[in-house]
């Protein structure tokens, strides 16, 4: 029986993360482009713009979570946006998503964040059930976005 390990990702994980991140993007209907995924993640690493966690089952990479730092002006505190959470088919139904969520919460607490936020598609009921089972609360107060048109 393989053991599942979750840890904070480092730059040396970039090639593995790029493949996982590409799978995540494909899950949301994007075309596969591992090189573009790698460039995007390298920019985040090189500018300290995100914190990532990686999940392995034995030596096989099976999931990731990516947090983006932000702040709440009203609450006068640091927050993190859990923007990306992905578990491969191989890793599903093994508690990997819950463990990635827990690692994210533990990290946010350790650095003194006051809140984590995330959003998911209204149709992604499996993810919503996971979040609610992990004590995440639905926020129906804030729901507007403004998509910036491409030039």
N, C-alpha and C. Protein backbone atom coordinates (compact mmCIF):
# COMPACT_ATOMS: atom_id res chain seq x y z
N UNK A 1 0.84 -1.19 0.00
CA UNK A 1 0.00 0.00 0.00
C UNK A 1 0.88 1.24 0.00
N UNK A 2 0.63 2.15 -0.94
CA UNK A 2 1.42 3.38 -1.03
C UNK A 2 0.93 4.40 -0.02
N UNK A 3 1.85 5.21 0.40
CA UNK A 3 1.52 6.27 1.35
C UNK A 3 1.39 7.58 0.59
N UNK A 4 0.42 8.38 0.97
CA UNK A 4 0.23 9.69 0.36
C UNK A 4 0.95 10.73 1.20
N UNK A 5 1.75 11.55 0.52
CA UNK A 5 2.50 12.62 1.18
C UNK A 5 2.13 13.96 0.55
N UNK A 6 1.94 14.96 1.40
CA UNK A 6 1.66 16.32 0.95
C UNK A 6 2.79 17.19 1.50
N UNK A 7 3.34 18.04 0.65
CA UNK A 7 4.37 18.97 1.12
C UNK A 7 4.33 20.23 0.28
N UNK A 8 4.93 21.29 0.82
CA UNK A 8 5.03 22.52 0.06
C UNK A 8 5.98 22.29 -1.11
N UNK A 9 5.58 22.72 -2.27
CA UNK A 9 6.38 22.54 -3.47
C UNK A 9 7.54 23.54 -3.49
N UNK A 10 8.60 23.14 -4.16
CA UNK A 10 9.77 23.99 -4.35
C UNK A 10 10.07 24.07 -5.84
N UNK A 11 10.97 24.96 -6.20
CA UNK A 11 11.29 25.18 -7.61
C UNK A 11 11.73 23.89 -8.32
N UNK A 12 12.40 23.00 -7.60
CA UNK A 12 12.85 21.73 -8.20
C UNK A 12 11.67 20.86 -8.65
N UNK A 13 10.45 21.16 -8.19
CA UNK A 13 9.25 20.41 -8.57
C UNK A 13 8.61 20.95 -9.85
N UNK A 14 9.21 21.95 -10.47
CA UNK A 14 8.52 22.68 -11.55
C UNK A 14 8.07 21.79 -12.70
N UNK A 15 8.88 20.84 -13.12
CA UNK A 15 8.48 19.98 -14.24
C UNK A 15 7.28 19.12 -13.88
N UNK A 16 7.29 18.56 -12.69
CA UNK A 16 6.17 17.74 -12.22
C UNK A 16 4.92 18.59 -12.04
N UNK A 17 5.09 19.75 -11.42
CA UNK A 17 3.96 20.66 -11.23
C UNK A 17 3.36 21.10 -12.56
N UNK A 18 4.20 21.32 -13.56
CA UNK A 18 3.72 21.77 -14.87
C UNK A 18 2.77 20.76 -15.50
N UNK A 19 3.11 19.48 -15.37
CA UNK A 19 2.24 18.42 -15.92
C UNK A 19 0.92 18.37 -15.14
N UNK A 20 1.00 18.43 -13.82
CA UNK A 20 -0.22 18.45 -13.01
C UNK A 20 -1.08 19.67 -13.33
N UNK A 21 -0.44 20.83 -13.41
CA UNK A 21 -1.15 22.08 -13.68
C UNK A 21 -1.80 22.04 -15.06
N UNK A 22 -1.12 21.45 -16.02
CA UNK A 22 -1.68 21.29 -17.35
C UNK A 22 -2.93 20.40 -17.28
N UNK A 23 -2.88 19.33 -16.49
CA UNK A 23 -4.06 18.48 -16.30
C UNK A 23 -5.21 19.24 -15.67
N UNK A 24 -4.89 20.10 -14.72
CA UNK A 24 -5.90 20.95 -14.07
C UNK A 24 -6.57 21.85 -15.11
N UNK A 25 -5.76 22.47 -15.94
CA UNK A 25 -6.31 23.37 -16.97
C UNK A 25 -7.17 22.61 -17.97
N UNK A 26 -6.76 21.40 -18.32
CA UNK A 26 -7.56 20.58 -19.23
C UNK A 26 -8.89 20.21 -18.59
N UNK A 27 -8.89 19.96 -17.28
CA UNK A 27 -10.13 19.67 -16.56
C UNK A 27 -11.14 20.80 -16.76
N UNK A 28 -10.63 22.03 -16.86
CA UNK A 28 -11.50 23.19 -17.08
C UNK A 28 -11.63 23.57 -18.55
N UNK A 29 -11.34 22.62 -19.44
CA UNK A 29 -11.63 22.80 -20.86
C UNK A 29 -10.57 23.50 -21.67
N UNK A 30 -9.38 23.72 -21.13
CA UNK A 30 -8.31 24.36 -21.88
C UNK A 30 -7.51 23.32 -22.65
N UNK A 31 -6.90 23.76 -23.74
CA UNK A 31 -6.03 22.89 -24.52
C UNK A 31 -4.76 22.60 -23.73
N UNK A 32 -4.20 21.42 -23.93
CA UNK A 32 -2.96 21.06 -23.26
C UNK A 32 -1.81 21.93 -23.77
N UNK A 33 -1.03 22.47 -22.84
CA UNK A 33 0.16 23.25 -23.18
C UNK A 33 1.08 23.24 -21.96
N UNK A 34 1.83 22.17 -21.83
CA UNK A 34 2.69 21.99 -20.66
C UNK A 34 3.74 23.09 -20.57
N UNK A 35 4.27 23.50 -21.72
CA UNK A 35 5.30 24.55 -21.70
C UNK A 35 4.73 25.88 -21.20
N UNK A 36 3.54 26.24 -21.63
CA UNK A 36 2.91 27.47 -21.14
C UNK A 36 2.60 27.36 -19.65
N UNK A 37 2.17 26.18 -19.23
CA UNK A 37 1.91 25.95 -17.79
C UNK A 37 3.19 26.15 -17.01
N UNK A 38 4.30 25.63 -17.52
CA UNK A 38 5.59 25.75 -16.85
C UNK A 38 6.01 27.22 -16.75
N UNK A 39 5.87 27.95 -17.84
CA UNK A 39 6.22 29.38 -17.83
C UNK A 39 5.39 30.15 -16.81
N UNK A 40 4.09 29.86 -16.77
CA UNK A 40 3.20 30.53 -15.83
C UNK A 40 3.63 30.24 -14.39
N UNK A 41 3.89 28.97 -14.08
CA UNK A 41 4.29 28.60 -12.72
C UNK A 41 5.66 29.17 -12.36
N UNK A 42 6.59 29.17 -13.32
CA UNK A 42 7.91 29.77 -13.07
C UNK A 42 7.78 31.24 -12.71
N UNK A 43 6.91 31.95 -13.41
CA UNK A 43 6.67 33.37 -13.07
C UNK A 43 6.17 33.51 -11.64
N UNK A 44 5.27 32.64 -11.22
CA UNK A 44 4.76 32.72 -9.85
C UNK A 44 5.89 32.45 -8.85
N UNK A 45 6.69 31.42 -9.10
CA UNK A 45 7.81 31.09 -8.20
C UNK A 45 8.83 32.22 -8.17
N UNK A 46 9.21 32.69 -9.35
CA UNK A 46 10.29 33.69 -9.43
C UNK A 46 9.92 35.03 -8.82
N UNK A 47 8.64 35.31 -8.73
CA UNK A 47 8.20 36.59 -8.16
C UNK A 47 7.54 36.44 -6.79
N UNK A 48 7.60 35.26 -6.22
CA UNK A 48 7.00 35.02 -4.91
C UNK A 48 5.51 35.28 -4.89
N UNK A 49 4.85 34.96 -5.99
CA UNK A 49 3.43 35.30 -6.14
C UNK A 49 2.47 34.17 -5.77
N UNK A 50 2.99 33.02 -5.40
CA UNK A 50 2.10 31.95 -4.96
C UNK A 50 2.85 30.97 -4.08
N UNK A 51 2.06 30.17 -3.39
CA UNK A 51 2.56 29.06 -2.58
C UNK A 51 1.87 27.83 -3.11
N UNK A 52 2.65 26.78 -3.37
CA UNK A 52 2.06 25.57 -3.92
C UNK A 52 2.33 24.38 -3.02
N UNK A 53 1.39 23.46 -3.03
CA UNK A 53 1.54 22.19 -2.35
C UNK A 53 1.41 21.09 -3.40
N UNK A 54 2.16 20.02 -3.19
CA UNK A 54 2.13 18.89 -4.12
C UNK A 54 1.85 17.62 -3.32
N UNK A 55 1.05 16.75 -3.92
CA UNK A 55 0.70 15.47 -3.31
C UNK A 55 1.33 14.35 -4.13
N UNK A 56 1.91 13.38 -3.43
CA UNK A 56 2.46 12.19 -4.07
C UNK A 56 1.85 10.95 -3.42
N UNK A 57 1.62 9.95 -4.22
CA UNK A 57 1.31 8.62 -3.71
C UNK A 57 2.52 7.77 -4.08
N UNK A 58 3.29 7.41 -3.08
CA UNK A 58 4.60 6.81 -3.37
C UNK A 58 5.43 7.86 -4.09
N UNK A 59 5.90 7.53 -5.29
CA UNK A 59 6.67 8.50 -6.06
C UNK A 59 5.83 9.18 -7.15
N UNK A 60 4.55 8.81 -7.25
CA UNK A 60 3.68 9.37 -8.30
C UNK A 60 3.03 10.67 -7.86
N UNK A 61 3.21 11.74 -8.63
CA UNK A 61 2.52 13.00 -8.32
C UNK A 61 1.04 12.85 -8.63
N UNK A 62 0.19 13.22 -7.66
CA UNK A 62 -1.26 13.01 -7.86
C UNK A 62 -2.12 14.23 -7.55
N UNK A 63 -1.51 15.35 -7.15
CA UNK A 63 -2.34 16.51 -6.87
C UNK A 63 -1.54 17.74 -6.55
N UNK A 64 -2.23 18.87 -6.61
CA UNK A 64 -1.61 20.15 -6.27
C UNK A 64 -2.65 21.11 -5.72
N UNK A 65 -2.16 22.08 -4.99
CA UNK A 65 -2.96 23.23 -4.56
C UNK A 65 -2.09 24.46 -4.71
N UNK A 66 -2.67 25.56 -5.15
CA UNK A 66 -1.93 26.81 -5.32
C UNK A 66 -2.68 27.94 -4.61
N UNK A 67 -1.97 28.64 -3.77
CA UNK A 67 -2.51 29.76 -3.01
C UNK A 67 -1.88 31.06 -3.49
N UNK A 68 -2.71 32.08 -3.65
CA UNK A 68 -2.22 33.40 -4.00
C UNK A 68 -2.40 34.33 -2.80
N UNK A 69 -1.36 35.06 -2.43
CA UNK A 69 -1.49 35.99 -1.29
C UNK A 69 -2.28 37.23 -1.68
N UNK A 70 -3.01 37.74 -0.72
CA UNK A 70 -3.74 38.99 -0.89
C UNK A 70 -3.94 39.59 0.50
N UNK A 71 -4.76 40.63 0.57
CA UNK A 71 -5.02 41.30 1.84
C UNK A 71 -6.47 41.71 1.90
N UNK A 72 -6.98 41.82 3.12
CA UNK A 72 -8.30 42.39 3.35
C UNK A 72 -8.11 43.76 3.98
N UNK A 73 -8.49 44.79 3.27
CA UNK A 73 -8.38 46.15 3.81
C UNK A 73 -9.31 46.35 4.99
N UNK A 74 -10.52 45.83 4.89
CA UNK A 74 -11.51 46.01 5.94
C UNK A 74 -11.07 45.29 7.22
N UNK A 75 -10.55 44.09 7.08
CA UNK A 75 -10.13 43.30 8.24
C UNK A 75 -8.69 43.56 8.66
N UNK A 76 -7.98 44.35 7.86
CA UNK A 76 -6.58 44.69 8.16
C UNK A 76 -5.72 43.44 8.33
N UNK A 77 -5.83 42.51 7.38
CA UNK A 77 -5.05 41.30 7.51
C UNK A 77 -4.76 40.62 6.19
N UNK A 78 -3.81 39.70 6.26
CA UNK A 78 -3.42 38.88 5.11
C UNK A 78 -4.46 37.80 4.89
N UNK A 79 -4.77 37.57 3.63
CA UNK A 79 -5.62 36.45 3.24
C UNK A 79 -4.91 35.69 2.12
N UNK A 80 -5.35 34.50 1.87
CA UNK A 80 -4.87 33.72 0.74
C UNK A 80 -6.07 33.26 -0.06
N UNK A 81 -5.89 33.24 -1.37
CA UNK A 81 -6.91 32.73 -2.28
C UNK A 81 -6.44 31.36 -2.74
N UNK A 82 -7.21 30.35 -2.39
CA UNK A 82 -6.90 29.01 -2.86
C UNK A 82 -7.48 28.94 -4.26
N UNK A 83 -6.65 29.24 -5.23
CA UNK A 83 -7.11 29.41 -6.59
C UNK A 83 -7.18 28.10 -7.36
N UNK A 84 -6.27 27.19 -7.07
CA UNK A 84 -6.17 25.96 -7.85
C UNK A 84 -6.06 24.76 -6.92
N UNK A 85 -6.93 23.80 -7.13
CA UNK A 85 -6.88 22.52 -6.41
C UNK A 85 -7.18 21.44 -7.43
N UNK A 86 -6.27 20.48 -7.55
CA UNK A 86 -6.44 19.45 -8.56
C UNK A 86 -5.90 18.13 -8.05
N UNK A 87 -6.66 17.07 -8.30
CA UNK A 87 -6.24 15.71 -7.98
C UNK A 87 -6.45 14.88 -9.24
N UNK A 88 -5.42 14.13 -9.62
CA UNK A 88 -5.51 13.28 -10.80
C UNK A 88 -6.52 12.15 -10.58
N UNK A 89 -6.92 11.52 -11.67
CA UNK A 89 -7.84 10.37 -11.57
C UNK A 89 -7.27 9.32 -10.61
N UNK A 90 -5.97 9.07 -10.70
CA UNK A 90 -5.31 8.07 -9.84
C UNK A 90 -5.42 8.42 -8.36
N UNK A 91 -5.47 9.72 -8.06
CA UNK A 91 -5.48 10.14 -6.66
C UNK A 91 -6.85 10.36 -6.07
N UNK A 92 -7.87 10.32 -6.90
CA UNK A 92 -9.21 10.62 -6.40
C UNK A 92 -9.77 9.51 -5.51
N UNK A 93 -10.64 9.91 -4.61
CA UNK A 93 -11.31 9.02 -3.66
C UNK A 93 -10.35 8.39 -2.66
N UNK A 94 -9.28 9.13 -2.38
CA UNK A 94 -8.28 8.68 -1.41
C UNK A 94 -8.01 9.73 -0.35
N UNK A 95 -8.80 10.79 -0.34
CA UNK A 95 -8.62 11.84 0.65
C UNK A 95 -7.55 12.86 0.30
N UNK A 96 -7.06 12.83 -0.94
CA UNK A 96 -5.98 13.74 -1.35
C UNK A 96 -6.46 15.19 -1.35
N UNK A 97 -7.64 15.44 -1.91
CA UNK A 97 -8.17 16.80 -1.93
C UNK A 97 -8.32 17.36 -0.52
N UNK A 98 -8.84 16.55 0.38
CA UNK A 98 -9.00 17.00 1.77
C UNK A 98 -7.65 17.29 2.40
N UNK A 99 -6.66 16.48 2.11
CA UNK A 99 -5.34 16.69 2.68
C UNK A 99 -4.66 17.92 2.09
N UNK A 100 -4.89 18.20 0.82
CA UNK A 100 -4.36 19.44 0.22
C UNK A 100 -5.04 20.66 0.85
N UNK A 101 -6.34 20.57 1.09
CA UNK A 101 -7.05 21.65 1.78
C UNK A 101 -6.48 21.86 3.18
N UNK A 102 -6.25 20.78 3.90
CA UNK A 102 -5.70 20.89 5.26
C UNK A 102 -4.32 21.51 5.26
N UNK A 103 -3.48 21.12 4.30
CA UNK A 103 -2.14 21.70 4.20
C UNK A 103 -2.24 23.20 3.93
N UNK A 104 -3.19 23.60 3.12
CA UNK A 104 -3.39 25.02 2.81
C UNK A 104 -3.83 25.79 4.05
N UNK A 105 -4.76 25.22 4.80
CA UNK A 105 -5.24 25.85 6.03
C UNK A 105 -4.11 25.96 7.04
N UNK A 106 -3.35 24.88 7.21
CA UNK A 106 -2.24 24.89 8.16
C UNK A 106 -1.21 25.96 7.80
N UNK A 107 -0.90 26.09 6.50
CA UNK A 107 0.04 27.10 6.06
C UNK A 107 -0.49 28.49 6.37
N UNK A 108 -1.74 28.74 6.01
CA UNK A 108 -2.33 30.07 6.24
C UNK A 108 -2.31 30.43 7.72
N UNK A 109 -2.64 29.48 8.57
CA UNK A 109 -2.59 29.72 10.02
C UNK A 109 -1.17 30.03 10.46
N UNK A 110 -0.20 29.28 9.95
CA UNK A 110 1.20 29.44 10.37
C UNK A 110 1.76 30.81 10.02
N UNK A 111 1.28 31.40 8.92
CA UNK A 111 1.79 32.72 8.53
C UNK A 111 0.89 33.86 9.00
N UNK A 112 -0.11 33.54 9.82
CA UNK A 112 -0.95 34.57 10.42
C UNK A 112 -2.05 35.11 9.53
N UNK A 113 -2.43 34.38 8.50
CA UNK A 113 -3.54 34.83 7.65
C UNK A 113 -4.84 34.80 8.45
N UNK A 114 -5.75 35.69 8.09
CA UNK A 114 -7.04 35.75 8.78
C UNK A 114 -8.13 34.95 8.06
N UNK A 115 -7.84 34.58 6.79
CA UNK A 115 -8.87 33.87 6.04
C UNK A 115 -8.28 33.27 4.77
N UNK A 116 -8.91 32.19 4.34
CA UNK A 116 -8.68 31.60 3.02
C UNK A 116 -9.97 31.76 2.24
N UNK A 117 -9.85 31.98 0.95
CA UNK A 117 -11.02 32.10 0.09
C UNK A 117 -10.81 31.23 -1.14
N UNK A 118 -11.90 30.73 -1.68
CA UNK A 118 -11.83 30.00 -2.94
C UNK A 118 -13.15 30.14 -3.65
N UNK A 119 -13.13 29.82 -4.92
CA UNK A 119 -14.38 29.75 -5.68
C UNK A 119 -14.27 28.56 -6.61
N UNK A 120 -15.40 28.02 -6.96
CA UNK A 120 -15.45 26.90 -7.90
C UNK A 120 -16.70 27.06 -8.74
N UNK A 121 -16.73 26.33 -9.82
CA UNK A 121 -17.90 26.41 -10.71
C UNK A 121 -19.16 25.98 -9.95
N UNK A 122 -20.26 26.65 -10.25
CA UNK A 122 -21.54 26.30 -9.62
C UNK A 122 -21.92 24.85 -9.89
N UNK A 123 -21.45 24.32 -11.00
CA UNK A 123 -21.78 22.95 -11.38
C UNK A 123 -20.84 21.91 -10.76
N UNK A 124 -19.76 22.34 -10.11
CA UNK A 124 -18.79 21.40 -9.55
C UNK A 124 -19.24 20.98 -8.15
N UNK A 125 -20.28 20.19 -8.12
CA UNK A 125 -20.88 19.79 -6.84
C UNK A 125 -19.98 18.87 -6.03
N UNK A 126 -19.15 18.08 -6.69
CA UNK A 126 -18.22 17.21 -5.95
C UNK A 126 -17.24 18.06 -5.14
N UNK A 127 -16.69 19.09 -5.77
CA UNK A 127 -15.76 19.97 -5.05
C UNK A 127 -16.49 20.69 -3.92
N UNK A 128 -17.69 21.18 -4.19
CA UNK A 128 -18.46 21.88 -3.15
C UNK A 128 -18.72 20.98 -1.95
N UNK A 129 -19.03 19.72 -2.21
CA UNK A 129 -19.27 18.78 -1.11
C UNK A 129 -18.00 18.58 -0.29
N UNK A 130 -16.86 18.50 -0.95
CA UNK A 130 -15.58 18.38 -0.24
C UNK A 130 -15.32 19.59 0.63
N UNK A 131 -15.50 20.79 0.07
CA UNK A 131 -15.24 22.01 0.84
C UNK A 131 -16.13 22.08 2.08
N UNK A 132 -17.40 21.80 1.89
CA UNK A 132 -18.33 21.86 3.02
C UNK A 132 -18.01 20.79 4.06
N UNK A 133 -17.57 19.62 3.62
CA UNK A 133 -17.19 18.56 4.56
C UNK A 133 -15.94 18.95 5.36
N UNK A 134 -15.15 19.86 4.81
CA UNK A 134 -13.93 20.32 5.48
C UNK A 134 -14.16 21.65 6.23
N UNK A 135 -15.42 22.00 6.48
CA UNK A 135 -15.82 23.18 7.25
C UNK A 135 -15.63 24.51 6.53
N UNK A 136 -15.51 24.49 5.22
CA UNK A 136 -15.51 25.74 4.47
C UNK A 136 -16.96 26.22 4.42
N UNK A 137 -17.14 27.53 4.45
CA UNK A 137 -18.47 28.11 4.46
C UNK A 137 -18.76 28.81 3.14
N UNK A 138 -19.94 28.56 2.63
CA UNK A 138 -20.37 29.23 1.40
C UNK A 138 -20.60 30.71 1.69
N UNK A 139 -20.14 31.57 0.79
CA UNK A 139 -20.31 33.01 0.95
C UNK A 139 -21.22 33.50 -0.16
N UNK A 140 -22.44 33.81 0.19
CA UNK A 140 -23.39 34.30 -0.80
C UNK A 140 -23.45 35.82 -0.85
N UNK A 141 -22.60 36.50 -0.07
CA UNK A 141 -22.63 37.96 -0.02
C UNK A 141 -21.89 38.63 -1.17
N UNK A 142 -20.81 37.99 -1.65
CA UNK A 142 -19.97 38.62 -2.66
C UNK A 142 -19.92 37.72 -3.89
N UNK A 143 -20.51 38.20 -5.00
CA UNK A 143 -20.54 37.32 -6.15
C UNK A 143 -20.37 38.02 -7.49
N UNK A 144 -19.88 39.23 -7.53
CA UNK A 144 -19.66 39.90 -8.80
C UNK A 144 -18.22 39.82 -9.21
N UNK A 145 -18.01 39.65 -10.51
CA UNK A 145 -16.68 39.74 -11.08
C UNK A 145 -16.76 40.65 -12.31
N UNK A 146 -15.64 41.18 -12.72
CA UNK A 146 -15.60 41.98 -13.94
C UNK A 146 -14.50 41.42 -14.83
N UNK A 147 -14.88 40.67 -15.85
CA UNK A 147 -13.85 40.13 -16.74
C UNK A 147 -13.33 41.23 -17.67
N UNK A 148 -12.03 41.36 -17.71
CA UNK A 148 -11.40 42.37 -18.56
C UNK A 148 -11.31 41.80 -19.98
N UNK A 149 -11.92 42.48 -20.95
CA UNK A 149 -11.88 41.99 -22.33
C UNK A 149 -10.45 42.00 -22.87
N UNK A 150 -10.14 40.99 -23.68
CA UNK A 150 -8.83 40.96 -24.33
C UNK A 150 -8.81 41.98 -25.45
N UNK A 151 -7.70 42.65 -25.60
CA UNK A 151 -7.58 43.68 -26.66
C UNK A 151 -7.46 43.07 -28.01
